[in-house]
Amino acid sequence: MSYYQFEQNILRDIEKAAMWIEDADEIFIGAGAGMGVDSGLPDFRGSDGFWKAYPALGKSKISFAAMANPGWFELNPRQAWGFYGHRLNMYREAQPHAGFELLKYWVASKRDYMIYTSNVDGQFQKSGFPEMKVVECHGSIHHLQCTLPCSTDIWTATELDLVIDSETVKLISPIPRCPNCGRYARPNICMFNDEKWISDRTSEQEELMGEFIRGTKNLVSIEIGAGIYIASVRQQMGNYGSKLIRINPVHHGVEKHRGLGVGLPFGGLEGLCKIERVLRR
């Protein structure tokens, strides 16, 4: 295939994606780590990228998978909270990119919509999407739980003010504690090898998603920046709707989708903007 043919195929797929969005009654949005990259957030894919974001952990050869483990809150709670506290502060400061506004504009004219994301950063809510329209399948860094846990309570991290040593990535301020039993608290995030994550909040979100799915009539799924190694979002996007739009700069193939699909080889913001240009025409 020539470069010209390749370009023409991409243009054709963008046109098709725009047509599907225009004609849809409902939109199901799926977002992985790639959705946050254009907001300046790291996606931690591969140890090199993770260690670049956290040089101190790189010196110790601690990978993201090793660090994202609930055991750290018992083994070294100041290191655990240094890592998650830094992420919490970073997500608080980050501003959602223009792609979030485009999605808000698209769904405003539809009968209904839902968002399913593996991101714990809360960027969809920060950009103005209602809580009841977002499913956070891995939990949220903006909510806390007991490390034991002593109960199923989940509470907000809004009042949490964490000071992190940027050199060692360790918490300097007091370690957050459970208001019920006084033990250490932790983010309400599903980590690796995590048997203590309280999933109640996410389960309630998934119940709302189930109601949405049962009520759909003409659904199109838009998947943005979802990975293939932790494929939570990809699996959901492939389960619902006969039309799938997959935006991913590397893994954009749709050959295995059970219905109609187009794969757009772009980052999240770029792909959404290209579709929007066609919609405006």
C-alpha atoms as a PDB file:
ATOM      1  CA  MET A   1       0.000   0.000   0.000  1.00  0.00           C
ATOM      2  CA  SER A   2       1.360   3.406  -0.973  1.00  0.00           C
ATOM      3  CA  TYR A   3       1.577   6.310   1.474  1.00  0.00           C
ATOM      4  CA  TYR A   4      -1.140   8.084  -0.517  1.00  0.00           C
ATOM      5  CA  GLN A   5      -3.476   5.095  -0.183  1.00  0.00           C
ATOM      6  CA  PHE A   6      -2.702   4.882   3.534  1.00  0.00           C
ATOM      7  CA  GLU A   7      -3.590   8.551   3.996  1.00  0.00           C
ATOM      8  CA  GLN A   8      -6.791   8.131   2.000  1.00  0.00           C
ATOM      9  CA  ASN A   9      -7.825   5.174   4.135  1.00  0.00           C
ATOM     10  CA  ILE A  10      -7.311   7.211   7.307  1.00  0.00           C
ATOM     11  CA  LEU A  11      -9.361  10.097   5.904  1.00  0.00           C
ATOM     12  CA  ARG A  12     -12.114   7.667   4.963  1.00  0.00           C
ATOM     13  CA  ASP A  13     -12.101   6.224   8.499  1.00  0.00           C
ATOM     14  CA  ILE A  14     -12.278   9.694  10.070  1.00  0.00           C
ATOM     15  CA  GLU A  15     -15.282  10.475   7.862  1.00  0.00           C
ATOM     16  CA  LYS A  16     -16.899   7.200   8.864  1.00  0.00           C
ATOM     17  CA  ALA A  17     -16.279   7.863  12.576  1.00  0.00           C
ATOM     18  CA  ALA A  18     -17.832  11.318  12.273  1.00  0.00           C
ATOM     19  CA  MET A  19     -20.864   9.887  10.496  1.00  0.00           C
ATOM     20  CA  TRP A  20     -21.372   7.251  13.203  1.00  0.00           C
ATOM     21  CA  ILE A  21     -21.176   9.878  15.962  1.00  0.00           C
ATOM     22  CA  GLU A  22     -23.586  12.154  14.091  1.00  0.00           C
ATOM     23  CA  ASP A  23     -26.120   9.361  13.649  1.00  0.00           C
ATOM     24  CA  ALA A  24     -25.833   7.787  17.121  1.00  0.00           C
ATOM     25  CA  ASP A  25     -28.494   8.085  19.800  1.00  0.00           C
ATOM     26  CA  GLU A  26     -26.112   7.100  22.604  1.00  0.00           C
ATOM     27  CA  ILE A  27     -22.343   7.349  23.058  1.00  0.00           C
ATOM     28  CA  PHE A  28     -20.213   5.039  25.211  1.00  0.00           C
ATOM     29  CA  ILE A  29     -16.814   6.616  25.907  1.00  0.00           C
ATOM     30  CA  GLY A  30     -13.867   4.487  27.020  1.00  0.00           C
ATOM     31  CA  ALA A  31     -10.607   6.064  28.149  1.00  0.00           C
ATOM     32  CA  GLY A  32      -7.247   4.670  29.155  1.00  0.00           C
ATOM     33  CA  ALA A  33      -3.968   6.287  30.166  1.00  0.00           C
ATOM     34  CA  GLY A  34      -3.517   7.750  26.691  1.00  0.00           C
ATOM     35  CA  MET A  35      -6.424  10.119  27.368  1.00  0.00           C
ATOM     36  CA  GLY A  36      -4.400  11.931  30.017  1.00  0.00           C
ATOM     37  CA  VAL A  37      -1.168  12.323  28.055  1.00  0.00           C
ATOM     38  CA  ASP A  38      -2.354  15.485  26.284  1.00  0.00           C
ATOM     39  CA  SER A  39      -3.077  16.999  29.713  1.00  0.00           C
ATOM     40  CA  GLY A  40       0.582  16.485  30.583  1.00  0.00           C
ATOM     41  CA  LEU A  41       0.027  13.353  32.659  1.00  0.00           C
ATOM     42  CA  PRO A  42       2.429  10.374  32.450  1.00  0.00           C
ATOM     43  CA  ASP A  43       1.008   6.986  31.501  1.00  0.00           C
ATOM     44  CA  PHE A  44       3.798   4.895  33.122  1.00  0.00           C
ATOM     45  CA  ARG A  45       3.957   2.451  30.199  1.00  0.00           C
ATOM     46  CA  GLY A  46       7.272   0.657  30.525  1.00  0.00           C
ATOM     47  CA  SER A  47       9.847   1.039  33.295  1.00  0.00           C
ATOM     48  CA  ASP A  48      11.835   3.697  31.405  1.00  0.00           C
ATOM     49  CA  GLY A  49       8.865   6.086  31.313  1.00  0.00           C
ATOM     50  CA  PHE A  50       8.044   5.406  34.959  1.00  0.00           C
ATOM     51  CA  TRP A  51      11.629   5.917  36.124  1.00  0.00           C
ATOM     52  CA  LYS A  52      11.854   9.125  34.132  1.00  0.00           C
ATOM     53  CA  ALA A  53       8.890  10.440  36.128  1.00  0.00           C
ATOM     54  CA  TYR A  54      10.325   9.087  39.396  1.00  0.00           C
ATOM     55  CA  PRO A  55      14.166   9.006  39.219  1.00  0.00           C
ATOM     56  CA  ALA A  56      14.486   8.071  42.899  1.00  0.00           C
ATOM     57  CA  LEU A  57      12.485   4.894  42.297  1.00  0.00           C
ATOM     58  CA  GLY A  58      14.507   4.269  39.136  1.00  0.00           C
ATOM     59  CA  LYS A  59      17.731   4.212  41.172  1.00  0.00           C
ATOM     60  CA  SER A  60      16.220   1.447  43.267  1.00  0.00           C
ATOM     61  CA  LYS A  61      14.890  -0.298  40.137  1.00  0.00           C
ATOM     62  CA  ILE A  62      11.368  -0.229  41.505  1.00  0.00           C
ATOM     63  CA  SER A  63       8.895  -0.643  38.632  1.00  0.00           C
ATOM     64  CA  PHE A  64       5.389   0.805  38.453  1.00  0.00           C
ATOM     65  CA  ALA A  65       3.890  -2.665  38.950  1.00  0.00           C
ATOM     66  CA  ALA A  66       6.043  -3.155  42.057  1.00  0.00           C
ATOM     67  CA  MET A  67       5.230   0.297  43.448  1.00  0.00           C
ATOM     68  CA  ALA A  68       1.496   0.031  42.760  1.00  0.00           C
ATOM     69  CA  ASN A  69       1.144  -2.647  45.404  1.00  0.00           C
ATOM     70  CA  PRO A  70      -0.870  -2.314  48.636  1.00  0.00           C
ATOM     71  CA  GLY A  71       1.931  -4.008  50.569  1.00  0.00           C
ATOM     72  CA  TRP A  72       3.927  -0.778  50.523  1.00  0.00           C
ATOM     73  CA  PHE A  73       1.443   0.844  52.920  1.00  0.00           C
ATOM     74  CA  GLU A  74       2.584  -1.655  55.557  1.00  0.00           C
ATOM     75  CA  LEU A  75       6.207  -2.124  54.494  1.00  0.00           C
ATOM     76  CA  ASN A  76       7.060   1.539  53.892  1.00  0.00           C
ATOM     77  CA  PRO A  77       3.998   3.803  54.266  1.00  0.00           C
ATOM     78  CA  ARG A  78       5.952   7.031  53.716  1.00  0.00           C
ATOM     79  CA  GLN A  79       7.249   5.702  50.393  1.00  0.00           C
ATOM     80  CA  ALA A  80       3.773   4.488  49.422  1.00  0.00           C
ATOM     81  CA  TRP A  81       2.186   7.823  50.267  1.00  0.00           C
ATOM     82  CA  GLY A  82       5.088   9.657  48.651  1.00  0.00           C
ATOM     83  CA  PHE A  83       4.246   7.980  45.352  1.00  0.00           C
ATOM     84  CA  TYR A  84       0.459   8.227  45.588  1.00  0.00           C
ATOM     85  CA  GLY A  85       0.591  11.651  47.227  1.00  0.00           C
ATOM     86  CA  HIS A  86       2.712  12.989  44.389  1.00  0.00           C
ATOM     87  CA  ARG A  87       0.219  11.587  41.895  1.00  0.00           C
ATOM     88  CA  LEU A  88      -2.701  13.092  43.809  1.00  0.00           C
ATOM     89  CA  ASN A  89      -1.060  16.528  43.787  1.00  0.00           C
ATOM     90  CA  MET A  90      -0.188  16.179  40.104  1.00  0.00           C
ATOM     91  CA  TYR A  91      -3.746  15.217  39.129  1.00  0.00           C
ATOM     92  CA  ARG A  92      -5.149  18.087  41.172  1.00  0.00           C
ATOM     93  CA  GLU A  93      -2.974  20.573  39.296  1.00  0.00           C
ATOM     94  CA  ALA A  94      -3.505  19.107  35.802  1.00  0.00           C
ATOM     95  CA  GLN A  95      -6.041  20.775  33.531  1.00  0.00           C
ATOM     96  CA  PRO A  96      -8.149  18.570  31.217  1.00  0.00           C
ATOM     97  CA  HIS A  97      -7.232  19.105  27.563  1.00  0.00           C
ATOM     98  CA  ALA A  98      -9.622  20.351  24.885  1.00  0.00           C
ATOM     99  CA  GLY A  99     -10.654  16.812  23.931  1.00  0.00           C
ATOM    100  CA  PHE A 100     -12.809  16.602  27.046  1.00  0.00           C
ATOM    101  CA  GLU A 101     -14.771  19.651  25.894  1.00  0.00           C
ATOM    102  CA  LEU A 102     -15.300  18.083  22.472  1.00  0.00           C
ATOM    103  CA  LEU A 103     -16.717  14.953  24.084  1.00  0.00           C
ATOM    104  CA  LYS A 104     -19.027  17.075  26.261  1.00  0.00           C
ATOM    105  CA  TYR A 105     -20.234  18.866  23.150  1.00  0.00           C
ATOM    106  CA  TRP A 106     -20.884  15.603  21.272  1.00  0.00           C
ATOM    107  CA  VAL A 107     -22.840  13.910  24.067  1.00  0.00           C
ATOM    108  CA  ALA A 108     -24.955  17.019  24.779  1.00  0.00           C
ATOM    109  CA  SER A 109     -27.067  16.345  21.692  1.00  0.00           C
ATOM    110  CA  LYS A 110     -27.504  12.616  22.377  1.00  0.00           C
ATOM    111  CA  ARG A 111     -30.250  10.758  24.199  1.00  0.00           C
ATOM    112  CA  ASP A 112     -27.758   9.356  26.705  1.00  0.00           C
ATOM    113  CA  TYR A 113     -24.077   8.563  27.278  1.00  0.00           C
ATOM    114  CA  MET A 114     -21.704   6.872  29.717  1.00  0.00           C
ATOM    115  CA  ILE A 115     -17.959   6.962  30.371  1.00  0.00           C
ATOM    116  CA  TYR A 116     -15.823   3.965  31.364  1.00  0.00           C
ATOM    117  CA  THR A 117     -12.238   4.729  32.356  1.00  0.00           C
ATOM    118  CA  SER A 118      -9.300   2.903  33.898  1.00  0.00           C
ATOM    119  CA  ASN A 119      -7.797   6.253  34.894  1.00  0.00           C
ATOM    120  CA  VAL A 120      -7.864   7.191  38.575  1.00  0.00           C
ATOM    121  CA  ASP A 121      -7.127  10.884  37.953  1.00  0.00           C
ATOM    122  CA  GLY A 122     -10.674  12.307  38.058  1.00  0.00           C
ATOM    123  CA  GLN A 123     -10.117  14.340  34.885  1.00  0.00           C
ATOM    124  CA  PHE A 124     -13.586  13.629  33.490  1.00  0.00           C
ATOM    125  CA  GLN A 125     -15.268  15.012  36.618  1.00  0.00           C
ATOM    126  CA  LYS A 126     -12.871  17.957  36.666  1.00  0.00           C
ATOM    127  CA  SER A 127     -13.831  18.805  33.080  1.00  0.00           C
ATOM    128  CA  GLY A 128     -17.509  18.934  34.050  1.00  0.00           C
ATOM    129  CA  PHE A 129     -18.927  15.431  33.512  1.00  0.00           C
ATOM    130  CA  PRO A 130     -21.346  14.418  36.305  1.00  0.00           C
ATOM    131  CA  GLU A 131     -20.194  11.756  38.785  1.00  0.00           C
ATOM    132  CA  MET A 132     -23.136   9.525  37.846  1.00  0.00           C
ATOM    133  CA  LYS A 133     -21.937   9.356  34.230  1.00  0.00           C
ATOM    134  CA  VAL A 134     -18.414   8.084  34.983  1.00  0.00           C
ATOM    135  CA  VAL A 135     -17.345   4.524  35.804  1.00  0.00           C
ATOM    136  CA  GLU A 136     -13.852   4.378  37.327  1.00  0.00           C
ATOM    137  CA  CYS A 137     -13.090   0.672  37.043  1.00  0.00           C
ATOM    138  CA  HIS A 138      -9.818   0.920  39.010  1.00  0.00           C
ATOM    139  CA  GLY A 139     -11.156   3.351  41.608  1.00  0.00           C
ATOM    140  CA  SER A 140     -10.152   6.953  42.262  1.00  0.00           C
ATOM    141  CA  ILE A 141      -7.117   8.592  43.848  1.00  0.00           C
ATOM    142  CA  HIS A 142      -9.464  11.317  45.096  1.00  0.00           C
ATOM    143  CA  HIS A 143     -11.087   8.855  47.521  1.00  0.00           C
ATOM    144  CA  LEU A 144      -9.622   6.972  50.494  1.00  0.00           C
ATOM    145  CA  GLN A 145     -10.192   3.791  52.472  1.00  0.00           C
ATOM    146  CA  CYS A 146      -8.683   2.008  55.476  1.00  0.00           C
ATOM    147  CA  THR A 147      -5.614  -0.169  54.761  1.00  0.00           C
ATOM    148  CA  LEU A 148      -6.940  -3.017  56.943  1.00  0.00           C
ATOM    149  CA  PRO A 149      -9.821  -2.323  56.040  1.00  0.00           C
ATOM    150  CA  CYS A 150     -11.806  -2.026  59.265  1.00  0.00           C
ATOM    151  CA  SER A 151     -15.022  -1.228  57.359  1.00  0.00           C
ATOM    152  CA  THR A 152     -16.302  -0.645  53.836  1.00  0.00           C
ATOM    153  CA  ASP A 153     -16.220   3.134  54.316  1.00  0.00           C
ATOM    154  CA  ILE A 154     -14.865   5.238  51.444  1.00  0.00           C
ATOM    155  CA  TRP A 155     -14.277   8.939  51.998  1.00  0.00           C
ATOM    156  CA  THR A 156     -13.086  11.893  49.970  1.00  0.00           C
ATOM    157  CA  ALA A 157      -9.465  13.069  49.868  1.00  0.00           C
ATOM    158  CA  THR A 158     -10.528  16.673  49.266  1.00  0.00           C
ATOM    159  CA  GLU A 159      -9.153  17.955  52.590  1.00  0.00           C
ATOM    160  CA  LEU A 160      -5.909  15.988  52.302  1.00  0.00           C
ATOM    161  CA  ASP A 161      -2.816  18.239  52.120  1.00  0.00           C
ATOM    162  CA  LEU A 162       0.271  16.160  51.393  1.00  0.00           C
ATOM    163  CA  VAL A 163       3.896  17.352  51.312  1.00  0.00           C
ATOM    164  CA  ILE A 164       6.268  15.140  49.342  1.00  0.00           C
ATOM    165  CA  ASP A 165      10.077  15.148  49.246  1.00  0.00           C
ATOM    166  CA  SER A 166      10.723  15.351  45.494  1.00  0.00           C
ATOM    167  CA  GLU A 167      14.201  13.815  45.810  1.00  0.00           C
ATOM    168  CA  THR A 168      13.218  10.662  47.680  1.00  0.00           C
ATOM    169  CA  VAL A 169       9.505  10.536  46.716  1.00  0.00           C
ATOM    170  CA  LYS A 170       8.609  10.113  50.379  1.00  0.00           C
ATOM    171  CA  LEU A 171       5.856  11.726  52.414  1.00  0.00           C
ATOM    172  CA  ILE A 172       7.017  14.472  54.791  1.00  0.00           C
ATOM    173  CA  SER A 173       3.645  15.472  56.239  1.00  0.00           C
ATOM    174  CA  PRO A 174       1.632  13.179  58.586  1.00  0.00           C
ATOM    175  CA  ILE A 175       0.477   9.862  57.124  1.00  0.00           C
ATOM    176  CA  PRO A 176      -3.297   9.879  56.447  1.00  0.00           C
ATOM    177  CA  ARG A 177      -5.252   7.724  58.862  1.00  0.00           C
ATOM    178  CA  CYS A 178      -8.606   5.984  58.927  1.00  0.00           C
ATOM    179  CA  PRO A 179     -11.125   8.074  60.898  1.00  0.00           C
ATOM    180  CA  ASN A 180     -12.743   4.909  62.289  1.00  0.00           C
ATOM    181  CA  CYS A 181      -9.847   2.853  63.649  1.00  0.00           C
ATOM    182  CA  GLY A 182      -6.792   5.117  63.385  1.00  0.00           C
ATOM    183  CA  ARG A 183      -4.830   2.792  61.129  1.00  0.00           C
ATOM    184  CA  TYR A 184      -3.181   4.141  58.001  1.00  0.00           C
ATOM    185  CA  ALA A 185      -5.440   5.110  55.117  1.00  0.00           C
ATOM    186  CA  ARG A 186      -4.743   4.478  51.440  1.00  0.00           C
ATOM    187  CA  PRO A 187      -6.224   5.581  48.114  1.00  0.00           C
ATOM    188  CA  ASN A 188      -9.369   3.738  47.053  1.00  0.00           C
ATOM    189  CA  ILE A 189      -7.556   2.346  44.012  1.00  0.00           C
ATOM    190  CA  CYS A 190      -7.379  -1.251  42.819  1.00  0.00           C
ATOM    191  CA  MET A 191      -3.648  -1.960  42.845  1.00  0.00           C
ATOM    192  CA  PHE A 192      -1.729  -5.027  41.715  1.00  0.00           C
ATOM    193  CA  ASN A 193      -2.303  -8.146  43.875  1.00  0.00           C
ATOM    194  CA  ASP A 194      -4.874  -6.149  45.804  1.00  0.00           C
ATOM    195  CA  GLU A 195      -7.254  -8.177  47.968  1.00  0.00           C
ATOM    196  CA  LYS A 196      -8.166  -5.234  50.213  1.00  0.00           C
ATOM    197  CA  TRP A 197      -9.556  -2.782  47.683  1.00  0.00           C
ATOM    198  CA  ILE A 198     -13.105  -1.755  48.588  1.00  0.00           C
ATOM    199  CA  SER A 199     -14.948  -1.870  45.279  1.00  0.00           C
ATOM    200  CA  ASP A 200     -18.357  -0.644  46.487  1.00  0.00           C
ATOM    201  CA  ARG A 201     -18.083   2.789  44.877  1.00  0.00           C
ATOM    202  CA  THR A 202     -17.063   1.319  41.526  1.00  0.00           C
ATOM    203  CA  SER A 203     -19.772  -1.348  41.790  1.00  0.00           C
ATOM    204  CA  GLU A 204     -22.414   1.365  42.189  1.00  0.00           C
ATOM    205  CA  GLN A 205     -21.029   3.114  39.107  1.00  0.00           C
ATOM    206  CA  GLU A 206     -21.174  -0.158  37.165  1.00  0.00           C
ATOM    207  CA  GLU A 207     -24.827  -0.615  38.129  1.00  0.00           C
ATOM    208  CA  LEU A 208     -25.594   2.761  36.539  1.00  0.00           C
ATOM    209  CA  MET A 209     -23.639   1.658  33.469  1.00  0.00           C
ATOM    210  CA  GLY A 210     -25.735  -1.500  33.274  1.00  0.00           C
ATOM    211  CA  GLU A 211     -28.918   0.571  33.268  1.00  0.00           C
ATOM    212  CA  PHE A 212     -27.458   2.721  30.509  1.00  0.00           C
ATOM    213  CA  ILE A 213     -26.502  -0.256  28.364  1.00  0.00           C
ATOM    214  CA  ARG A 214     -29.922  -1.870  28.734  1.00  0.00           C
ATOM    215  CA  GLY A 215     -31.567   1.322  27.520  1.00  0.00           C
ATOM    216  CA  THR A 216     -29.444   1.878  24.412  1.00  0.00           C
ATOM    217  CA  LYS A 217     -30.926   1.700  20.920  1.00  0.00           C
ATOM    218  CA  ASN A 218     -28.294   3.072  18.557  1.00  0.00           C
ATOM    219  CA  LEU A 219     -24.967   3.072  20.376  1.00  0.00           C
ATOM    220  CA  VAL A 220     -21.489   4.007  19.155  1.00  0.00           C
ATOM    221  CA  SER A 221     -18.428   3.334  21.309  1.00  0.00           C
ATOM    222  CA  ILE A 222     -15.447   5.700  21.306  1.00  0.00           C
ATOM    223  CA  GLU A 223     -12.292   4.220  22.825  1.00  0.00           C
ATOM    224  CA  ILE A 224      -9.412   6.623  23.516  1.00  0.00           C
ATOM    225  CA  GLY A 225      -5.866   5.726  24.550  1.00  0.00           C
ATOM    226  CA  ALA A 226      -6.683   2.313  26.006  1.00  0.00           C
ATOM    227  CA  GLY A 227      -3.811  -0.124  26.428  1.00  0.00           C
ATOM    228  CA  ILE A 228      -3.561  -3.782  25.471  1.00  0.00           C
ATOM    229  CA  TYR A 229      -1.608  -5.005  28.521  1.00  0.00           C
ATOM    230  CA  ILE A 230      -4.162  -3.975  31.137  1.00  0.00           C
ATOM    231  CA  ALA A 231      -7.141  -4.281  28.820  1.00  0.00           C
ATOM    232  CA  SER A 232      -9.994  -3.308  31.160  1.00  0.00           C
ATOM    233  CA  VAL A 233     -11.293  -0.564  28.874  1.00  0.00           C
ATOM    234  CA  ARG A 234     -10.768  -2.482  25.614  1.00  0.00           C
ATOM    235  CA  GLN A 235     -12.793  -5.402  26.870  1.00  0.00           C
ATOM    236  CA  GLN A 236     -15.733  -3.182  27.796  1.00  0.00           C
ATOM    237  CA  MET A 237     -15.656  -1.270  24.532  1.00  0.00           C
ATOM    238  CA  GLY A 238     -15.718  -4.496  22.576  1.00  0.00           C
ATOM    239  CA  ASN A 239     -18.733  -5.805  24.456  1.00  0.00           C
ATOM    240  CA  TYR A 240     -21.274  -3.107  23.662  1.00  0.00           C
ATOM    241  CA  GLY A 241     -22.509  -1.402  20.535  1.00  0.00           C
ATOM    242  CA  SER A 242     -22.125  -2.517  16.947  1.00  0.00           C
ATOM    243  CA  LYS A 243     -19.814   0.398  16.036  1.00  0.00           C
ATOM    244  CA  LEU A 244     -16.411   1.014  17.607  1.00  0.00           C
ATOM    245  CA  ILE A 245     -14.113   4.005  17.049  1.00  0.00           C
ATOM    246  CA  ARG A 246     -10.650   3.220  18.450  1.00  0.00           C
ATOM    247  CA  ILE A 247      -8.204   6.127  18.816  1.00  0.00           C
ATOM    248  CA  ASN A 248      -4.688   4.935  19.637  1.00  0.00           C
ATOM    249  CA  PRO A 249      -1.330   5.981  18.172  1.00  0.00           C
ATOM    250  CA  VAL A 250       0.052   2.419  18.241  1.00  0.00           C
ATOM    251  CA  HIS A 251      -2.580  -0.242  18.985  1.00  0.00           C
ATOM    252  CA  HIS A 252      -5.454   0.990  16.828  1.00  0.00           C
ATOM    253  CA  GLY A 253      -6.368  -2.306  15.138  1.00  0.00           C
ATOM    254  CA  VAL A 254     -10.052  -3.269  15.167  1.00  0.00           C
ATOM    255  CA  GLU A 255      -9.914  -6.552  13.269  1.00  0.00           C
ATOM    256  CA  LYS A 256     -11.219  -8.573  16.219  1.00  0.00           C
ATOM    257  CA  HIS A 257     -14.151  -6.306  17.017  1.00  0.00           C
ATOM    258  CA  ARG A 258     -17.434  -8.187  16.692  1.00  0.00           C
ATOM    259  CA  GLY A 259     -19.187  -5.362  14.817  1.00  0.00           C
ATOM    260  CA  LEU A 260     -18.095  -2.460  12.641  1.00  0.00           C
ATOM    261  CA  GLY A 261     -14.928  -0.679  13.657  1.00  0.00           C
ATOM    262  CA  VAL A 262     -12.461   2.002  12.608  1.00  0.00           C
ATOM    263  CA  GLY A 263      -9.003   2.481  14.065  1.00  0.00           C
ATOM    264  CA  LEU A 264      -7.465   5.952  14.019  1.00  0.00           C
ATOM    265  CA  PRO A 265      -3.659   6.073  14.570  1.00  0.00           C
ATOM    266  CA  PHE A 266      -3.545   9.248  16.670  1.00  0.00           C
ATOM    267  CA  GLY A 267      -3.176  10.437  20.213  1.00  0.00           C
ATOM    268  CA  GLY A 268      -6.415  11.179  22.028  1.00  0.00           C
ATOM    269  CA  LEU A 269      -6.660  14.927  21.478  1.00  0.00           C
ATOM    270  CA  GLU A 270      -5.474  14.795  17.865  1.00  0.00           C
ATOM    271  CA  GLY A 271      -7.915  12.029  16.962  1.00  0.00           C
ATOM    272  CA  LEU A 272     -10.866  13.807  18.560  1.00  0.00           C
ATOM    273  CA  CYS A 273      -9.972  17.085  16.830  1.00  0.00           C
ATOM    274  CA  LYS A 274      -9.787  15.394  13.427  1.00  0.00           C
ATOM    275  CA  ILE A 275     -13.265  13.931  13.911  1.00  0.00           C
ATOM    276  CA  GLU A 276     -14.568  17.325  15.079  1.00  0.00           C
ATOM    277  CA  ARG A 277     -13.311  19.041  11.901  1.00  0.00           C
ATOM    278  CA  VAL A 278     -15.421  16.655   9.823  1.00  0.00           C
ATOM    279  CA  LEU A 279     -18.446  17.090  12.103  1.00  0.00           C
ATOM    280  CA  ARG A 280     -18.234  20.871  11.715  1.00  0.00           C
ATOM    281  CA  ARG A 281     -18.391  20.542   7.951  1.00  0.00           C
END
